C-alpha atoms as a PDB file:
ATOM      1  CA  MET A   1       0.000   0.000   0.000  1.00  0.00           C
ATOM      2  CA  LYS A   2       1.332   3.395  -0.944  1.00  0.00           C
ATOM      3  CA  LYS A   3       1.634   5.937   1.780  1.00  0.00           C
ATOM      4  CA  ALA A   4      -1.459   8.098   2.053  1.00  0.00           C
ATOM      5  CA  VAL A   5       0.406  11.100   3.469  1.00  0.00           C
ATOM      6  CA  PRO A   6       1.680  12.474   0.121  1.00  0.00           C
ATOM      7  CA  PHE A   7      -1.852  12.341  -1.256  1.00  0.00           C
ATOM      8  CA  LEU A   8      -3.252  14.094   1.789  1.00  0.00           C
ATOM      9  CA  ILE A   9      -0.568  16.789   1.543  1.00  0.00           C
ATOM     10  CA  SER A  10      -1.328  17.266  -2.163  1.00  0.00           C
ATOM     11  CA  SER A  11      -5.010  17.430  -1.332  1.00  0.00           C
ATOM     12  CA  VAL A  12      -4.530  20.131   1.297  1.00  0.00           C
ATOM     13  CA  ILE A  13      -2.260  22.130  -1.018  1.00  0.00           C
ATOM     14  CA  THR A  14      -4.809  21.909  -3.852  1.00  0.00           C
ATOM     15  CA  ALA A  15      -7.691  22.949  -1.614  1.00  0.00           C
ATOM     16  CA  THR A  16      -5.675  25.810  -0.113  1.00  0.00           C
ATOM     17  CA  ILE A  17      -4.547  27.200  -3.463  1.00  0.00           C
ATOM     18  CA  MET A  18      -7.946  26.958  -5.131  1.00  0.00           C
ATOM     19  CA  THR A  19      -9.784  28.372  -2.104  1.00  0.00           C
ATOM     20  CA  SER A  20      -7.314  31.250  -1.923  1.00  0.00           C
ATOM     21  CA  LEU A  21      -7.712  31.949  -5.629  1.00  0.00           C
ATOM     22  CA  SER A  22     -11.484  31.949  -5.319  1.00  0.00           C
ATOM     23  CA  LEU A  23     -11.267  34.746  -2.733  1.00  0.00           C
ATOM     24  CA  PHE A  24      -9.629  37.071  -5.269  1.00  0.00           C
ATOM     25  CA  ILE A  25     -12.112  36.507  -8.115  1.00  0.00           C
ATOM     26  CA  ASN A  26     -14.640  39.320  -8.440  1.00  0.00           C
ATOM     27  CA  ASP A  27     -17.262  37.409 -10.399  1.00  0.00           C
ATOM     28  CA  PRO A  28     -19.267  35.405  -7.810  1.00  0.00           C
ATOM     29  CA  PHE A  29     -20.126  32.590 -10.252  1.00  0.00           C
ATOM     30  CA  GLN A  30     -16.455  32.210 -11.261  1.00  0.00           C
ATOM     31  CA  ALA A  31     -15.315  32.353  -7.627  1.00  0.00           C
ATOM     32  CA  LYS A  32     -17.820  29.670  -6.652  1.00  0.00           C
ATOM     33  CA  GLY A  33     -16.746  27.502  -9.609  1.00  0.00           C
ATOM     34  CA  THR A  34     -13.085  27.826  -8.672  1.00  0.00           C
ATOM     35  CA  LEU A  35     -13.823  26.942  -5.059  1.00  0.00           C
ATOM     36  CA  VAL A  36     -15.964  23.927  -5.976  1.00  0.00           C
ATOM     37  CA  SER A  37     -13.436  22.694  -8.555  1.00  0.00           C
ATOM     38  CA  GLY A  38     -10.624  22.956  -6.033  1.00  0.00           C
ATOM     39  CA  LEU A  39     -12.553  21.107  -3.341  1.00  0.00           C
ATOM     40  CA  ILE A  40     -13.584  18.338  -5.739  1.00  0.00           C
ATOM     41  CA  ALA A  41      -9.987  17.945  -6.942  1.00  0.00           C
ATOM     42  CA  ALA A  42      -8.743  17.859  -3.340  1.00  0.00           C
ATOM     43  CA  ILE A  43     -11.271  15.189  -2.374  1.00  0.00           C
ATOM     44  CA  VAL A  44     -10.427  13.036  -5.387  1.00  0.00           C
ATOM     45  CA  ILE A  45      -6.692  13.307  -4.637  1.00  0.00           C
ATOM     46  CA  ALA A  46      -7.237  12.463  -0.962  1.00  0.00           C
ATOM     47  CA  THR A  47      -9.231   9.333  -1.797  1.00  0.00           C
ATOM     48  CA  ILE A  48      -6.732   7.791  -4.230  1.00  0.00           C
ATOM     49  CA  PRO A  49      -5.083   5.694  -1.467  1.00  0.00           C
ATOM     50  CA  ILE A  50      -8.349   3.800  -0.944  1.00  0.00           C
ATOM     51  CA  TYR A  51      -7.404   1.757  -4.006  1.00  0.00           C
ATOM     52  CA  ASP A  52      -4.040   0.879  -2.441  1.00  0.00           C
ATOM     53  CA  ILE A  53      -5.603  -1.035   0.448  1.00  0.00           C
ATOM     54  CA  ASP A  54      -4.583  -4.445  -0.858  1.00  0.00           C
ATOM     55  CA  LYS A  55      -6.339  -6.302   1.985  1.00  0.00           C
ATOM     56  CA  TRP A  56      -9.698  -5.174   0.621  1.00  0.00           C
ATOM     57  CA  PRO A  57     -11.231  -6.703  -2.504  1.00  0.00           C
ATOM     58  CA  LEU A  58     -11.765  -4.332  -5.424  1.00  0.00           C
ATOM     59  CA  LYS A  59     -15.515  -4.356  -4.816  1.00  0.00           C
ATOM     60  CA  LYS A  60     -15.071  -3.022  -1.264  1.00  0.00           C
ATOM     61  CA  ARG A  61     -12.524  -0.376  -2.321  1.00  0.00           C
ATOM     62  CA  SER A  62     -14.830   0.744  -5.118  1.00  0.00           C
ATOM     63  CA  LEU A  63     -17.841   0.901  -2.808  1.00  0.00           C
ATOM     64  CA  VAL A  64     -15.999   2.886  -0.135  1.00  0.00           C
ATOM     65  CA  HIS A  65     -14.667   5.296  -2.757  1.00  0.00           C
ATOM     66  CA  PHE A  66     -18.128   5.691  -4.284  1.00  0.00           C
ATOM     67  CA  LEU A  67     -19.683   6.393  -0.870  1.00  0.00           C
ATOM     68  CA  VAL A  68     -17.037   9.010  -0.061  1.00  0.00           C
ATOM     69  CA  MET A  69     -17.672  10.670  -3.437  1.00  0.00           C
ATOM     70  CA  LEU A  70     -21.428  10.447  -2.870  1.00  0.00           C
ATOM     71  CA  ILE A  71     -21.305  12.317   0.445  1.00  0.00           C
ATOM     72  CA  THR A  72     -18.680  14.877  -0.602  1.00  0.00           C
ATOM     73  CA  VAL A  73     -18.520  15.486  -4.349  1.00  0.00           C
ATOM     74  CA  LEU A  74     -22.202  15.113  -5.227  1.00  0.00           C
ATOM     75  CA  PRO A  75     -23.307  17.835  -2.765  1.00  0.00           C
ATOM     76  CA  LEU A  76     -20.556  20.093  -4.134  1.00  0.00           C
ATOM     77  CA  LEU A  77     -21.868  19.523  -7.644  1.00  0.00           C
ATOM     78  CA  PHE A  78     -25.377  20.446  -6.502  1.00  0.00           C
ATOM     79  CA  TYR A  79     -23.998  23.537  -4.736  1.00  0.00           C
ATOM     80  CA  SER A  80     -22.082  24.606  -7.844  1.00  0.00           C
ATOM     81  CA  GLY A  81     -25.284  25.136  -9.797  1.00  0.00           C
ATOM     82  CA  TRP A  82     -23.553  24.050 -13.004  1.00  0.00           C
ATOM     83  CA  PHE A  83     -26.312  21.632 -13.987  1.00  0.00           C
ATOM     84  CA  SER A  84     -29.935  20.857 -13.212  1.00  0.00           C
ATOM     85  CA  PRO A  85     -30.343  18.284 -10.408  1.00  0.00           C
ATOM     86  CA  LEU A  86     -31.038  15.378 -12.770  1.00  0.00           C
ATOM     87  CA  ILE A  87     -28.089  16.252 -15.023  1.00  0.00           C
ATOM     88  CA  THR A  88     -25.888  16.656 -11.927  1.00  0.00           C
ATOM     89  CA  VAL A  89     -26.594  13.075 -10.875  1.00  0.00           C
ATOM     90  CA  GLY A  90     -25.953  11.872 -14.427  1.00  0.00           C
ATOM     91  CA  VAL A  91     -22.649  13.755 -14.672  1.00  0.00           C
ATOM     92  CA  PHE A  92     -21.595  12.420 -11.267  1.00  0.00           C
ATOM     93  CA  LEU A  93     -22.346   8.821 -12.256  1.00  0.00           C
ATOM     94  CA  LEU A  94     -20.874   9.129 -15.753  1.00  0.00           C
ATOM     95  CA  PHE A  95     -17.604  10.693 -14.599  1.00  0.00           C
ATOM     96  CA  GLY A  96     -17.363   8.134 -11.798  1.00  0.00           C
ATOM     97  CA  LEU A  97     -17.912   5.212 -14.130  1.00  0.00           C
ATOM     98  CA  VAL A  98     -15.518   6.507 -16.784  1.00  0.00           C
ATOM     99  CA  GLY A  99     -12.868   7.359 -14.169  1.00  0.00           C
ATOM    100  CA  TRP A 100     -13.189   3.967 -12.493  1.00  0.00           C
ATOM    101  CA  THR A 101     -12.985   2.159 -15.846  1.00  0.00           C
ATOM    102  CA  ILE A 102      -9.889   4.084 -16.947  1.00  0.00           C
ATOM    103  CA  GLY A 103      -8.224   3.408 -13.585  1.00  0.00           C
ATOM    104  CA  PHE A 104      -9.122  -0.273 -13.791  1.00  0.00           C
ATOM    105  CA  ILE A 105      -7.691  -0.621 -17.312  1.00  0.00           C
ATOM    106  CA  ILE A 106      -4.487   1.253 -16.456  1.00  0.00           C
ATOM    107  CA  ASN A 107      -4.034  -0.842 -13.323  1.00  0.00           C
ATOM    108  CA  LYS A 108      -4.491  -4.085 -15.295  1.00  0.00           C
ATOM    109  CA  PHE A 109      -1.808  -3.114 -17.814  1.00  0.00           C
ATOM    110  CA  GLN A 110       0.664  -2.023 -15.103  1.00  0.00           C
ATOM    111  CA  LYS A 111       0.721  -5.429 -13.414  1.00  0.00           C
END
């Protein structure tokens, strides 16, 4: 299992930079978008080590990751106001499925 600390540090740095940037943007919609993007990126970075828990089967790692995304990223997407609620759920599921599939394929070819 890779160390989680570098991912957590990267996550905090990402969130700090993007939050700081959002404070200096005059357009409220742009500032909100920058903040939400930064928080989503930070959460995704922080959760990468879930897939390095070799004791857990892939199904459990995937479920835990999905649940973390569900309670963190999905509300941020709703808050962003980028899409209607139905489209927000669709975008969340589509990006999750595509991201998981790409990660799965890359992982298979690396071993």
